[in-house]
Amino acid sequence: MGLDNSRGRPDADRPAEDSALAAIRDGLQRLRFGSIAVTIHEGRVVQLDITEKRRFGH
């Protein structure tokens, strides 16, 4: 198992990173108003919270 020198982590972590980045990208594309919070533990994405705001006219 080699190391990804840009982060110093095993290459085996790459699929999880790719999955997290894809989820973030998808959230950004779908979200019109709101926020995205990414939780990191020990340099790894472990949670993604997407909050959508919906406003209704009077």
PDB file of N, CA and C in Angstrom:
ATOM      1  N   MET A   1       0.854  -1.170   0.000  1.00  0.00           N
ATOM      2  CA  MET A   1       0.000   0.000   0.000  1.00  0.00           C
ATOM      3  C   MET A   1       0.897   1.229   0.000  1.00  0.00           C
ATOM      4  N   GLY A   2       0.775   2.076  -1.014  1.00  0.00           N
ATOM      5  CA  GLY A   2       1.583   3.284  -1.114  1.00  0.00           C
ATOM      6  C   GLY A   2       0.974   4.428  -0.329  1.00  0.00           C
ATOM      7  N   LEU A   3       1.694   5.535  -0.318  1.00  0.00           N
ATOM      8  CA  LEU A   3       1.197   6.730   0.358  1.00  0.00           C
ATOM      9  C   LEU A   3       0.868   7.797  -0.664  1.00  0.00           C
ATOM     10  N   ASP A   4      -0.196   8.501  -0.425  1.00  0.00           N
ATOM     11  CA  ASP A   4      -0.537   9.684  -1.202  1.00  0.00           C
ATOM     12  C   ASP A   4       0.278  10.814  -0.588  1.00  0.00           C
ATOM     13  N   ASN A   5       1.365  11.188  -1.210  1.00  0.00           N
ATOM     14  CA  ASN A   5       2.306  12.132  -0.613  1.00  0.00           C
ATOM     15  C   ASN A   5       1.735  13.507  -0.342  1.00  0.00           C
ATOM     16  N   SER A   6       0.666  13.891  -1.042  1.00  0.00           N
ATOM     17  CA  SER A   6       0.106  15.217  -0.820  1.00  0.00           C
ATOM     18  C   SER A   6      -0.529  15.330   0.563  1.00  0.00           C
ATOM     19  N   ARG A   7      -0.952  14.208   1.140  1.00  0.00           N
ATOM     20  CA  ARG A   7      -1.587  14.237   2.459  1.00  0.00           C
ATOM     21  C   ARG A   7      -0.912  13.289   3.446  1.00  0.00           C
ATOM     22  N   GLY A   8      -0.010  12.440   2.969  1.00  0.00           N
ATOM     23  CA  GLY A   8       0.673  11.516   3.848  1.00  0.00           C
ATOM     24  C   GLY A   8      -0.216  10.393   4.354  1.00  0.00           C
ATOM     25  N   ARG A   9      -1.287  10.068   3.623  1.00  0.00           N
ATOM     26  CA  ARG A   9      -2.203   9.006   4.018  1.00  0.00           C
ATOM     27  C   ARG A   9      -2.104   7.853   3.038  1.00  0.00           C
ATOM     28  N   PRO A  10      -2.478   6.656   3.479  1.00  0.00           N
ATOM     29  CA  PRO A  10      -2.464   5.506   2.558  1.00  0.00           C
ATOM     30  C   PRO A  10      -3.399   5.723   1.379  1.00  0.00           C
ATOM     31  N   ASP A  11      -3.015   5.170   0.225  1.00  0.00           N
ATOM     32  CA  ASP A  11      -3.850   5.242  -0.971  1.00  0.00           C
ATOM     33  C   ASP A  11      -5.213   4.596  -0.749  1.00  0.00           C
ATOM     34  N   ALA A  12      -5.321   3.686   0.206  1.00  0.00           N
ATOM     35  CA  ALA A  12      -6.583   3.000   0.479  1.00  0.00           C
ATOM     36  C   ALA A  12      -7.662   3.970   0.935  1.00  0.00           C
ATOM     37  N   ASP A  13      -7.290   5.138   1.464  1.00  0.00           N
ATOM     38  CA  ASP A  13      -8.256   6.141   1.900  1.00  0.00           C
ATOM     39  C   ASP A  13      -8.874   6.910   0.736  1.00  0.00           C
ATOM     40  N   ARG A  14      -8.295   6.777  -0.420  1.00  0.00           N
ATOM     41  CA  ARG A  14      -8.724   7.576  -1.569  1.00  0.00           C
ATOM     42  C   ARG A  14     -10.194   7.365  -1.958  1.00  0.00           C
ATOM     43  N   PRO A  15     -10.714   6.120  -2.001  1.00  0.00           N
ATOM     44  CA  PRO A  15     -12.140   5.962  -2.357  1.00  0.00           C
ATOM     45  C   PRO A  15     -13.068   6.697  -1.391  1.00  0.00           C
ATOM     46  N   ALA A  16     -12.759   6.684  -0.113  1.00  0.00           N
ATOM     47  CA  ALA A  16     -13.587   7.398   0.861  1.00  0.00           C
ATOM     48  C   ALA A  16     -13.504   8.905   0.622  1.00  0.00           C
ATOM     49  N   GLU A  17     -12.309   9.406   0.321  1.00  0.00           N
ATOM     50  CA  GLU A  17     -12.143  10.836   0.014  1.00  0.00           C
ATOM     51  C   GLU A  17     -12.922  11.199  -1.235  1.00  0.00           C
ATOM     52  N   ASP A  18     -12.822  10.367  -2.263  1.00  0.00           N
ATOM     53  CA  ASP A  18     -13.540  10.629  -3.516  1.00  0.00           C
ATOM     54  C   ASP A  18     -15.044  10.640  -3.280  1.00  0.00           C
ATOM     55  N   SER A  19     -15.522   9.730  -2.447  1.00  0.00           N
ATOM     56  CA  SER A  19     -16.946   9.661  -2.130  1.00  0.00           C
ATOM     57  C   SER A  19     -17.399  10.913  -1.385  1.00  0.00           C
ATOM     58  N   ALA A  20     -16.591  11.353  -0.427  1.00  0.00           N
ATOM     59  CA  ALA A  20     -16.925  12.562   0.340  1.00  0.00           C
ATOM     60  C   ALA A  20     -16.944  13.781  -0.577  1.00  0.00           C
ATOM     61  N   LEU A  21     -15.957  13.900  -1.449  1.00  0.00           N
ATOM     62  CA  LEU A  21     -15.921  15.035  -2.369  1.00  0.00           C
ATOM     63  C   LEU A  21     -17.105  15.013  -3.330  1.00  0.00           C
ATOM     64  N   ALA A  22     -17.496  13.831  -3.769  1.00  0.00           N
ATOM     65  CA  ALA A  22     -18.647  13.714  -4.663  1.00  0.00           C
ATOM     66  C   ALA A  22     -19.933  14.140  -3.939  1.00  0.00           C
ATOM     67  N   ALA A  23     -20.075  13.774  -2.674  1.00  0.00           N
ATOM     68  CA  ALA A  23     -21.257  14.158  -1.897  1.00  0.00           C
ATOM     69  C   ALA A  23     -21.299  15.667  -1.681  1.00  0.00           C
ATOM     70  N   ILE A  24     -20.145  16.270  -1.418  1.00  0.00           N
ATOM     71  CA  ILE A  24     -20.070  17.727  -1.248  1.00  0.00           C
ATOM     72  C   ILE A  24     -20.427  18.424  -2.552  1.00  0.00           C
ATOM     73  N   ARG A  25     -19.865  17.949  -3.647  1.00  0.00           N
ATOM     74  CA  ARG A  25     -20.147  18.530  -4.966  1.00  0.00           C
ATOM     75  C   ARG A  25     -21.635  18.419  -5.298  1.00  0.00           C
ATOM     76  N   ASP A  26     -22.229  17.259  -5.023  1.00  0.00           N
ATOM     77  CA  ASP A  26     -23.654  17.056  -5.281  1.00  0.00           C
ATOM     78  C   ASP A  26     -24.500  18.012  -4.443  1.00  0.00           C
ATOM     79  N   GLY A  27     -24.143  18.162  -3.178  1.00  0.00           N
ATOM     80  CA  GLY A  27     -24.861  19.085  -2.308  1.00  0.00           C
ATOM     81  C   GLY A  27     -24.789  20.510  -2.809  1.00  0.00           C
ATOM     82  N   LEU A  28     -23.620  20.922  -3.270  1.00  0.00           N
ATOM     83  CA  LEU A  28     -23.447  22.281  -3.791  1.00  0.00           C
ATOM     84  C   LEU A  28     -24.284  22.510  -5.051  1.00  0.00           C
ATOM     85  N   GLN A  29     -24.375  21.503  -5.894  1.00  0.00           N
ATOM     86  CA  GLN A  29     -25.130  21.649  -7.135  1.00  0.00           C
ATOM     87  C   GLN A  29     -26.635  21.720  -6.880  1.00  0.00           C
ATOM     88  N   ARG A  30     -27.126  21.001  -5.862  1.00  0.00           N
ATOM     89  CA  ARG A  30     -28.564  20.959  -5.594  1.00  0.00           C
ATOM     90  C   ARG A  30     -29.050  22.102  -4.718  1.00  0.00           C
ATOM     91  N   LEU A  31     -28.191  22.651  -3.900  1.00  0.00           N
ATOM     92  CA  LEU A  31     -28.590  23.633  -2.901  1.00  0.00           C
ATOM     93  C   LEU A  31     -28.703  25.030  -3.502  1.00  0.00           C
ATOM     94  N   ARG A  32     -29.857  25.669  -3.320  1.00  0.00           N
ATOM     95  CA  ARG A  32     -30.026  27.045  -3.787  1.00  0.00           C
ATOM     96  C   ARG A  32     -29.753  28.036  -2.663  1.00  0.00           C
ATOM     97  N   PHE A  33     -30.318  27.777  -1.473  1.00  0.00           N
ATOM     98  CA  PHE A  33     -30.109  28.615  -0.301  1.00  0.00           C
ATOM     99  C   PHE A  33     -29.893  27.691   0.882  1.00  0.00           C
ATOM    100  N   GLY A  34     -28.882  27.942   1.667  1.00  0.00           N
ATOM    101  CA  GLY A  34     -28.641  27.108   2.844  1.00  0.00           C
ATOM    102  C   GLY A  34     -27.171  27.031   3.178  1.00  0.00           C
ATOM    103  N   SER A  35     -26.821  25.934   3.821  1.00  0.00           N
ATOM    104  CA  SER A  35     -25.426  25.777   4.235  1.00  0.00           C
ATOM    105  C   SER A  35     -25.014  24.313   4.179  1.00  0.00           C
ATOM    106  N   ILE A  36     -23.710  24.118   4.044  1.00  0.00           N
ATOM    107  CA  ILE A  36     -23.117  22.793   4.065  1.00  0.00           C
ATOM    108  C   ILE A  36     -22.014  22.822   5.113  1.00  0.00           C
ATOM    109  N   ALA A  37     -22.085  21.896   6.075  1.00  0.00           N
ATOM    110  CA  ALA A  37     -21.065  21.789   7.114  1.00  0.00           C
ATOM    111  C   ALA A  37     -20.353  20.451   6.950  1.00  0.00           C
ATOM    112  N   VAL A  38     -19.035  20.496   6.914  1.00  0.00           N
ATOM    113  CA  VAL A  38     -18.224  19.296   6.773  1.00  0.00           C
ATOM    114  C   VAL A  38     -17.506  19.071   8.096  1.00  0.00           C
ATOM    115  N   THR A  39     -17.676  17.879   8.678  1.00  0.00           N
ATOM    116  CA  THR A  39     -17.019  17.540   9.930  1.00  0.00           C
ATOM    117  C   THR A  39     -15.801  16.673   9.624  1.00  0.00           C
ATOM    118  N   ILE A  40     -14.670  17.077  10.167  1.00  0.00           N
ATOM    119  CA  ILE A  40     -13.391  16.398   9.927  1.00  0.00           C
ATOM    120  C   ILE A  40     -12.883  15.825  11.245  1.00  0.00           C
ATOM    121  N   HIS A  41     -12.449  14.573  11.238  1.00  0.00           N
ATOM    122  CA  HIS A  41     -11.795  13.959  12.393  1.00  0.00           C
ATOM    123  C   HIS A  41     -10.495  13.340  11.907  1.00  0.00           C
ATOM    124  N   GLU A  42      -9.398  13.714  12.529  1.00  0.00           N
ATOM    125  CA  GLU A  42      -8.073  13.197  12.189  1.00  0.00           C
ATOM    126  C   GLU A  42      -7.792  13.302  10.687  1.00  0.00           C
ATOM    127  N   GLY A  43      -8.175  14.438  10.118  1.00  0.00           N
ATOM    128  CA  GLY A  43      -7.876  14.698   8.715  1.00  0.00           C
ATOM    129  C   GLY A  43      -8.787  14.009   7.722  1.00  0.00           C
ATOM    130  N   ARG A  44      -9.867  13.387   8.195  1.00  0.00           N
ATOM    131  CA  ARG A  44     -10.783  12.684   7.302  1.00  0.00           C
ATOM    132  C   ARG A  44     -12.203  13.233   7.448  1.00  0.00           C
ATOM    133  N   VAL A  45     -12.904  13.324   6.328  1.00  0.00           N
ATOM    134  CA  VAL A  45     -14.302  13.748   6.361  1.00  0.00           C
ATOM    135  C   VAL A  45     -15.114  12.607   6.964  1.00  0.00           C
ATOM    136  N   VAL A  46     -15.845  12.901   8.040  1.00  0.00           N
ATOM    137  CA  VAL A  46     -16.653  11.871   8.691  1.00  0.00           C
ATOM    138  C   VAL A  46     -18.144  12.173   8.648  1.00  0.00           C
ATOM    139  N   GLN A  47     -18.496  13.433   8.359  1.00  0.00           N
ATOM    140  CA  GLN A  47     -19.914  13.793   8.354  1.00  0.00           C
ATOM    141  C   GLN A  47     -20.139  14.999   7.465  1.00  0.00           C
ATOM    142  N   LEU A  48     -21.298  14.999   6.808  1.00  0.00           N
ATOM    143  CA  LEU A  48     -21.701  16.103   5.951  1.00  0.00           C
ATOM    144  C   LEU A  48     -23.133  16.475   6.314  1.00  0.00           C
ATOM    145  N   ASP A  49     -23.335  17.730   6.728  1.00  0.00           N
ATOM    146  CA  ASP A  49     -24.671  18.220   7.065  1.00  0.00           C
ATOM    147  C   ASP A  49     -25.071  19.271   6.040  1.00  0.00           C
ATOM    148  N   ILE A  50     -26.207  19.038   5.402  1.00  0.00           N
ATOM    149  CA  ILE A  50     -26.720  19.993   4.413  1.00  0.00           C
ATOM    150  C   ILE A  50     -28.039  20.530   4.939  1.00  0.00           C
ATOM    151  N   THR A  51     -28.112  21.849   5.104  1.00  0.00           N
ATOM    152  CA  THR A  51     -29.327  22.502   5.586  1.00  0.00           C
ATOM    153  C   THR A  51     -29.857  23.390   4.475  1.00  0.00           C
ATOM    154  N   GLU A  52     -31.074  23.116   4.066  1.00  0.00           N
ATOM    155  CA  GLU A  52     -31.700  23.906   2.994  1.00  0.00           C
ATOM    156  C   GLU A  52     -32.662  24.912   3.606  1.00  0.00           C
ATOM    157  N   LYS A  53     -32.601  26.132   3.134  1.00  0.00           N
ATOM    158  CA  LYS A  53     -33.513  27.183   3.562  1.00  0.00           C
ATOM    159  C   LYS A  53     -34.582  27.350   2.489  1.00  0.00           C
ATOM    160  N   ARG A  54     -35.818  27.392   2.922  1.00  0.00           N
ATOM    161  CA  ARG A  54     -36.924  27.643   2.002  1.00  0.00           C
ATOM    162  C   ARG A  54     -37.694  28.852   2.529  1.00  0.00           C
ATOM    163  N   ARG A  55     -37.862  29.814   1.675  1.00  0.00           N
ATOM    164  CA  ARG A  55     -38.597  31.027   2.060  1.00  0.00           C
ATOM    165  C   ARG A  55     -39.851  31.115   1.222  1.00  0.00           C
ATOM    166  N   PHE A  56     -40.916  31.508   1.879  1.00  0.00           N
ATOM    167  CA  PHE A  56     -42.204  31.601   1.218  1.00  0.00           C
ATOM    168  C   PHE A  56     -42.677  33.054   1.238  1.00  0.00           C
ATOM    169  N   GLY A  57     -43.216  33.511   0.111  1.00  0.00           N
ATOM    170  CA  GLY A  57     -43.735  34.873   0.018  1.00  0.00           C
ATOM    171  C   GLY A  57     -44.998  35.025   0.821  1.00  0.00           C
ATOM    172  N   HIS A  58     -45.318  36.268   1.133  1.00  0.00           N
ATOM    173  CA  HIS A  58     -46.522  36.542   1.939  1.00  0.00           C
ATOM    174  C   HIS A  58     -47.746  36.461   1.113  1.00  0.00           C
TER     175      HIS A  58
END
